[in-house]
Every structure is written in C-alpha cells, then in structure tokens.
C-alpha cells in the first residue's frame, strides 16, 4: 500500500483497506471465509519517491 508519510490518518486508511480486502475475499471464496482478523501492528517497511510523468 502506498501512502504519504506525513498523512495523519494512516492507521485508519490501512484498517479500511484491510477490511475491504477481507470483505472481497469472503465474497470471492465463501468456503474459505476470513474471521477474527485484526491488525496488530502498523510499521513502515520502506520509503520511496515515485516520479510520475512523461
């Protein structure tokens, strides 16, 4: 997931993306539903500068 480093609501945005991913996985594979999943820790693993342009 790519986010701005200075972004204040990083934890909230990550949790929302995680819940959306779980919901999509449960719809795609109801026979392998995910229950009781939670984020225990959020920590950055890498920092990068991406230049987008022509």
PDB file of N, CA and C in Angstrom:
ATOM      1  N   UNK A   1       0.837  -1.155   0.000  1.00  0.00           N
ATOM      2  CA  UNK A   1       0.000   0.000   0.000  1.00  0.00           C
ATOM      3  C   UNK A   1       0.893   1.232   0.000  1.00  0.00           C
ATOM      4  N   UNK A   2       0.634   2.178  -0.873  1.00  0.00           N
ATOM      5  CA  UNK A   2       1.412   3.408  -0.944  1.00  0.00           C
ATOM      6  C   UNK A   2       0.628   4.532  -0.283  1.00  0.00           C
ATOM      7  N   UNK A   3       1.248   5.189   0.693  1.00  0.00           N
ATOM      8  CA  UNK A   3       0.616   6.297   1.393  1.00  0.00           C
ATOM      9  C   UNK A   3       1.626   7.413   1.599  1.00  0.00           C
ATOM     10  N   UNK A   4       1.120   8.612   1.799  1.00  0.00           N
ATOM     11  CA  UNK A   4       2.002   9.727   2.134  1.00  0.00           C
ATOM     12  C   UNK A   4       2.543   9.520   3.529  1.00  0.00           C
ATOM     13  N   UNK A   5       3.782   9.794   3.726  1.00  0.00           N
ATOM     14  CA  UNK A   5       4.424   9.606   5.024  1.00  0.00           C
ATOM     15  C   UNK A   5       3.825  10.546   6.069  1.00  0.00           C
ATOM     16  N   UNK A   6       3.512  11.763   5.703  1.00  0.00           N
ATOM     17  CA  UNK A   6       3.032  12.765   6.652  1.00  0.00           C
ATOM     18  C   UNK A   6       1.536  12.644   6.933  1.00  0.00           C
ATOM     19  N   UNK A   7       0.884  11.728   6.284  1.00  0.00           N
ATOM     20  CA  UNK A   7      -0.566  11.582   6.386  1.00  0.00           C
ATOM     21  C   UNK A   7      -0.976  11.240   7.820  1.00  0.00           C
ATOM     22  N   UNK A   8      -1.930  11.982   8.388  1.00  0.00           N
ATOM     23  CA  UNK A   8      -2.312  11.817   9.790  1.00  0.00           C
ATOM     24  C   UNK A   8      -3.159  10.566  10.044  1.00  0.00           C
ATOM     25  N   UNK A   9      -3.996  10.203   9.105  1.00  0.00           N
ATOM     26  CA  UNK A   9      -4.930   9.093   9.305  1.00  0.00           C
ATOM     27  C   UNK A   9      -4.445   7.802   8.645  1.00  0.00           C
ATOM     28  N   UNK A  10      -3.173   7.552   8.689  1.00  0.00           N
ATOM     29  CA  UNK A  10      -2.606   6.369   8.045  1.00  0.00           C
ATOM     30  C   UNK A  10      -3.213   5.084   8.616  1.00  0.00           C
ATOM     31  N   UNK A  11      -3.267   4.982   9.928  1.00  0.00           N
ATOM     32  CA  UNK A  11      -3.811   3.781  10.562  1.00  0.00           C
ATOM     33  C   UNK A  11      -5.241   3.521  10.168  1.00  0.00           C
ATOM     34  N   UNK A  12      -6.061   4.570  10.115  1.00  0.00           N
ATOM     35  CA  UNK A  12      -7.457   4.427   9.736  1.00  0.00           C
ATOM     36  C   UNK A  12      -7.577   3.966   8.287  1.00  0.00           C
ATOM     37  N   UNK A  13      -6.797   4.567   7.398  1.00  0.00           N
ATOM     38  CA  UNK A  13      -6.858   4.203   5.982  1.00  0.00           C
ATOM     39  C   UNK A  13      -6.398   2.760   5.756  1.00  0.00           C
ATOM     40  N   UNK A  14      -5.368   2.338   6.460  1.00  0.00           N
ATOM     41  CA  UNK A  14      -4.891   0.962   6.338  1.00  0.00           C
ATOM     42  C   UNK A  14      -5.949  -0.009   6.846  1.00  0.00           C
ATOM     43  N   UNK A  15      -6.571   0.311   7.965  1.00  0.00           N
ATOM     44  CA  UNK A  15      -7.609  -0.561   8.511  1.00  0.00           C
ATOM     45  C   UNK A  15      -8.805  -0.666   7.568  1.00  0.00           C
ATOM     46  N   UNK A  16      -9.204   0.429   6.945  1.00  0.00           N
ATOM     47  CA  UNK A  16     -10.314   0.403   5.987  1.00  0.00           C
ATOM     48  C   UNK A  16      -9.955  -0.457   4.769  1.00  0.00           C
ATOM     49  N   UNK A  17      -8.735  -0.308   4.262  1.00  0.00           N
ATOM     50  CA  UNK A  17      -8.299  -1.109   3.118  1.00  0.00           C
ATOM     51  C   UNK A  17      -8.260  -2.593   3.487  1.00  0.00           C
ATOM     52  N   UNK A  18      -7.813  -2.904   4.697  1.00  0.00           N
ATOM     53  CA  UNK A  18      -7.753  -4.282   5.177  1.00  0.00           C
ATOM     54  C   UNK A  18      -9.159  -4.884   5.269  1.00  0.00           C
ATOM     55  N   UNK A  19     -10.099  -4.121   5.823  1.00  0.00           N
ATOM     56  CA  UNK A  19     -11.486  -4.603   5.935  1.00  0.00           C
ATOM     57  C   UNK A  19     -12.121  -4.805   4.555  1.00  0.00           C
ATOM     58  N   UNK A  20     -11.824  -3.897   3.619  1.00  0.00           N
ATOM     59  CA  UNK A  20     -12.322  -4.054   2.241  1.00  0.00           C
ATOM     60  C   UNK A  20     -11.752  -5.310   1.605  1.00  0.00           C
ATOM     61  N   UNK A  21     -10.459  -5.566   1.833  1.00  0.00           N
ATOM     62  CA  UNK A  21      -9.818  -6.755   1.269  1.00  0.00           C
ATOM     63  C   UNK A  21     -10.468  -8.022   1.831  1.00  0.00           C
ATOM     64  N   UNK A  22     -10.711  -8.043   3.144  1.00  0.00           N
ATOM     65  CA  UNK A  22     -11.356  -9.205   3.777  1.00  0.00           C
ATOM     66  C   UNK A  22     -12.751  -9.417   3.198  1.00  0.00           C
ATOM     67  N   UNK A  23     -13.506  -8.333   3.056  1.00  0.00           N
ATOM     68  CA  UNK A  23     -14.860  -8.432   2.505  1.00  0.00           C
ATOM     69  C   UNK A  23     -14.832  -8.997   1.090  1.00  0.00           C
ATOM     70  N   UNK A  24     -13.901  -8.515   0.262  1.00  0.00           N
ATOM     71  CA  UNK A  24     -13.791  -9.016  -1.112  1.00  0.00           C
ATOM     72  C   UNK A  24     -13.375 -10.489  -1.144  1.00  0.00           C
ATOM     73  N   UNK A  25     -12.435 -10.869  -0.295  1.00  0.00           N
ATOM     74  CA  UNK A  25     -12.006 -12.267  -0.252  1.00  0.00           C
ATOM     75  C   UNK A  25     -13.152 -13.175   0.189  1.00  0.00           C
ATOM     76  N   UNK A  26     -13.935 -12.741   1.159  1.00  0.00           N
ATOM     77  CA  UNK A  26     -15.055 -13.546   1.637  1.00  0.00           C
ATOM     78  C   UNK A  26     -16.141 -13.686   0.573  1.00  0.00           C
ATOM     79  N   UNK A  27     -16.302 -12.678  -0.277  1.00  0.00           N
ATOM     80  CA  UNK A  27     -17.264 -12.773  -1.374  1.00  0.00           C
ATOM     81  C   UNK A  27     -16.761 -13.724  -2.453  1.00  0.00           C
ATOM     82  N   UNK A  28     -15.461 -13.633  -2.768  1.00  0.00           N
ATOM     83  CA  UNK A  28     -14.878 -14.474  -3.811  1.00  0.00           C
ATOM     84  C   UNK A  28     -14.778 -15.935  -3.389  1.00  0.00           C
ATOM     85  N   UNK A  29     -14.437 -16.175  -2.136  1.00  0.00           N
ATOM     86  CA  UNK A  29     -14.215 -17.536  -1.655  1.00  0.00           C
ATOM     87  C   UNK A  29     -14.952 -17.753  -0.331  1.00  0.00           C
ATOM     88  N   UNK A  30     -16.282 -17.878  -0.382  1.00  0.00           N
ATOM     89  CA  UNK A  30     -17.040 -18.041   0.864  1.00  0.00           C
ATOM     90  C   UNK A  30     -16.691 -19.335   1.604  1.00  0.00           C
ATOM     91  N   UNK A  31     -16.171 -20.314   0.902  1.00  0.00           N
ATOM     92  CA  UNK A  31     -15.778 -21.573   1.532  1.00  0.00           C
ATOM     93  C   UNK A  31     -14.470 -21.433   2.316  1.00  0.00           C
ATOM     94  N   UNK A  32     -13.770 -20.310   2.143  1.00  0.00           N
ATOM     95  CA  UNK A  32     -12.532 -20.048   2.890  1.00  0.00           C
ATOM     96  C   UNK A  32     -12.618 -18.685   3.566  1.00  0.00           C
ATOM     97  N   UNK A  33     -13.752 -18.422   4.180  1.00  0.00           N
ATOM     98  CA  UNK A  33     -14.010 -17.108   4.768  1.00  0.00           C
ATOM     99  C   UNK A  33     -12.994 -16.767   5.866  1.00  0.00           C
ATOM    100  N   UNK A  34     -12.693 -15.495   5.962  1.00  0.00           N
ATOM    101  CA  UNK A  34     -11.757 -14.990   6.958  1.00  0.00           C
ATOM    102  C   UNK A  34     -12.564 -14.387   8.107  1.00  0.00           C
ATOM    103  N   UNK A  35     -12.309 -14.849   9.325  1.00  0.00           N
ATOM    104  CA  UNK A  35     -12.988 -14.345  10.515  1.00  0.00           C
ATOM    105  C   UNK A  35     -11.956 -13.918  11.551  1.00  0.00           C
ATOM    106  N   UNK A  36     -12.322 -12.987  12.390  1.00  0.00           N
ATOM    107  CA  UNK A  36     -11.493 -12.558  13.519  1.00  0.00           C
ATOM    108  C   UNK A  36     -10.098 -12.104  13.112  1.00  0.00           C
ATOM    109  N   UNK A  37      -9.983 -11.463  11.980  1.00  0.00           N
ATOM    110  CA  UNK A  37      -8.685 -10.934  11.554  1.00  0.00           C
ATOM    111  C   UNK A  37      -8.545  -9.505  12.054  1.00  0.00           C
ATOM    112  N   UNK A  38      -7.385  -9.180  12.572  1.00  0.00           N
ATOM    113  CA  UNK A  38      -7.153  -7.822  13.036  1.00  0.00           C
ATOM    114  C   UNK A  38      -5.705  -7.427  12.814  1.00  0.00           C
ATOM    115  N   UNK A  39      -5.478  -6.152  12.727  1.00  0.00           N
ATOM    116  CA  UNK A  39      -4.134  -5.615  12.559  1.00  0.00           C
ATOM    117  C   UNK A  39      -3.533  -5.445  13.945  1.00  0.00           C
ATOM    118  N   UNK A  40      -2.400  -6.058  14.173  1.00  0.00           N
ATOM    119  CA  UNK A  40      -1.738  -5.965  15.466  1.00  0.00           C
ATOM    120  C   UNK A  40      -0.731  -4.825  15.517  1.00  0.00           C
ATOM    121  N   UNK A  41      -0.099  -4.545  14.381  1.00  0.00           N
ATOM    122  CA  UNK A  41       0.929  -3.510  14.359  1.00  0.00           C
ATOM    123  C   UNK A  41       1.030  -2.934  12.957  1.00  0.00           C
ATOM    124  N   UNK A  42       1.238  -1.656  12.889  1.00  0.00           N
ATOM    125  CA  UNK A  42       1.460  -0.985  11.604  1.00  0.00           C
ATOM    126  C   UNK A  42       2.825  -0.322  11.681  1.00  0.00           C
ATOM    127  N   UNK A  43       3.694  -0.718  10.769  1.00  0.00           N
ATOM    128  CA  UNK A  43       5.008  -0.080  10.718  1.00  0.00           C
ATOM    129  C   UNK A  43       5.467  -0.030   9.269  1.00  0.00           C
ATOM    130  N   UNK A  44       6.093   1.052   8.888  1.00  0.00           N
ATOM    131  CA  UNK A  44       6.568   1.172   7.511  1.00  0.00           C
ATOM    132  C   UNK A  44       7.731   0.222   7.253  1.00  0.00           C
ATOM    133  N   UNK A  45       7.770  -0.319   6.046  1.00  0.00           N
ATOM    134  CA  UNK A  45       8.858  -1.210   5.685  1.00  0.00           C
ATOM    135  C   UNK A  45       9.806  -0.571   4.688  1.00  0.00           C
ATOM    136  N   UNK A  46       9.338   0.429   3.993  1.00  0.00           N
ATOM    137  CA  UNK A  46      10.198   1.070   3.010  1.00  0.00           C
ATOM    138  C   UNK A  46       9.700   2.482   2.740  1.00  0.00           C
ATOM    139  N   UNK A  47      10.607   3.322   2.340  1.00  0.00           N
ATOM    140  CA  UNK A  47      10.278   4.662   1.910  1.00  0.00           C
ATOM    141  C   UNK A  47      10.738   4.819   0.465  1.00  0.00           C
ATOM    142  N   UNK A  48       9.928   5.482  -0.347  1.00  0.00           N
ATOM    143  CA  UNK A  48      10.293   5.628  -1.749  1.00  0.00           C
ATOM    144  C   UNK A  48       9.746   6.956  -2.279  1.00  0.00           C
ATOM    145  N   UNK A  49      10.390   7.447  -3.291  1.00  0.00           N
ATOM    146  CA  UNK A  49       9.907   8.620  -4.017  1.00  0.00           C
ATOM    147  C   UNK A  49       9.562   8.150  -5.422  1.00  0.00           C
ATOM    148  N   UNK A  50       8.324   8.306  -5.789  1.00  0.00           N
ATOM    149  CA  UNK A  50       7.874   7.883  -7.124  1.00  0.00           C
ATOM    150  C   UNK A  50       7.629   9.116  -7.967  1.00  0.00           C
ATOM    151  N   UNK A  51       8.264   9.159  -9.109  1.00  0.00           N
ATOM    152  CA  UNK A  51       8.046  10.252 -10.044  1.00  0.00           C
ATOM    153  C   UNK A  51       7.121   9.768 -11.137  1.00  0.00           C
ATOM    154  N   UNK A  52       6.018  10.465 -11.282  1.00  0.00           N
ATOM    155  CA  UNK A  52       5.042  10.096 -12.303  1.00  0.00           C
ATOM    156  C   UNK A  52       5.009  11.240 -13.309  1.00  0.00           C
ATOM    157  N   UNK A  53       5.221  10.927 -14.546  1.00  0.00           N
ATOM    158  CA  UNK A  53       5.220  11.962 -15.580  1.00  0.00           C
ATOM    159  C   UNK A  53       5.721  11.411 -16.895  1.00  0.00           C
ATOM    160  N   UNK A  54       5.716  12.257 -17.853  1.00  0.00           N
ATOM    161  CA  UNK A  54       6.163  11.847 -19.190  1.00  0.00           C
ATOM    162  C   UNK A  54       7.606  12.150 -19.396  1.00  0.00           C
TER     163      UNK A  54
END
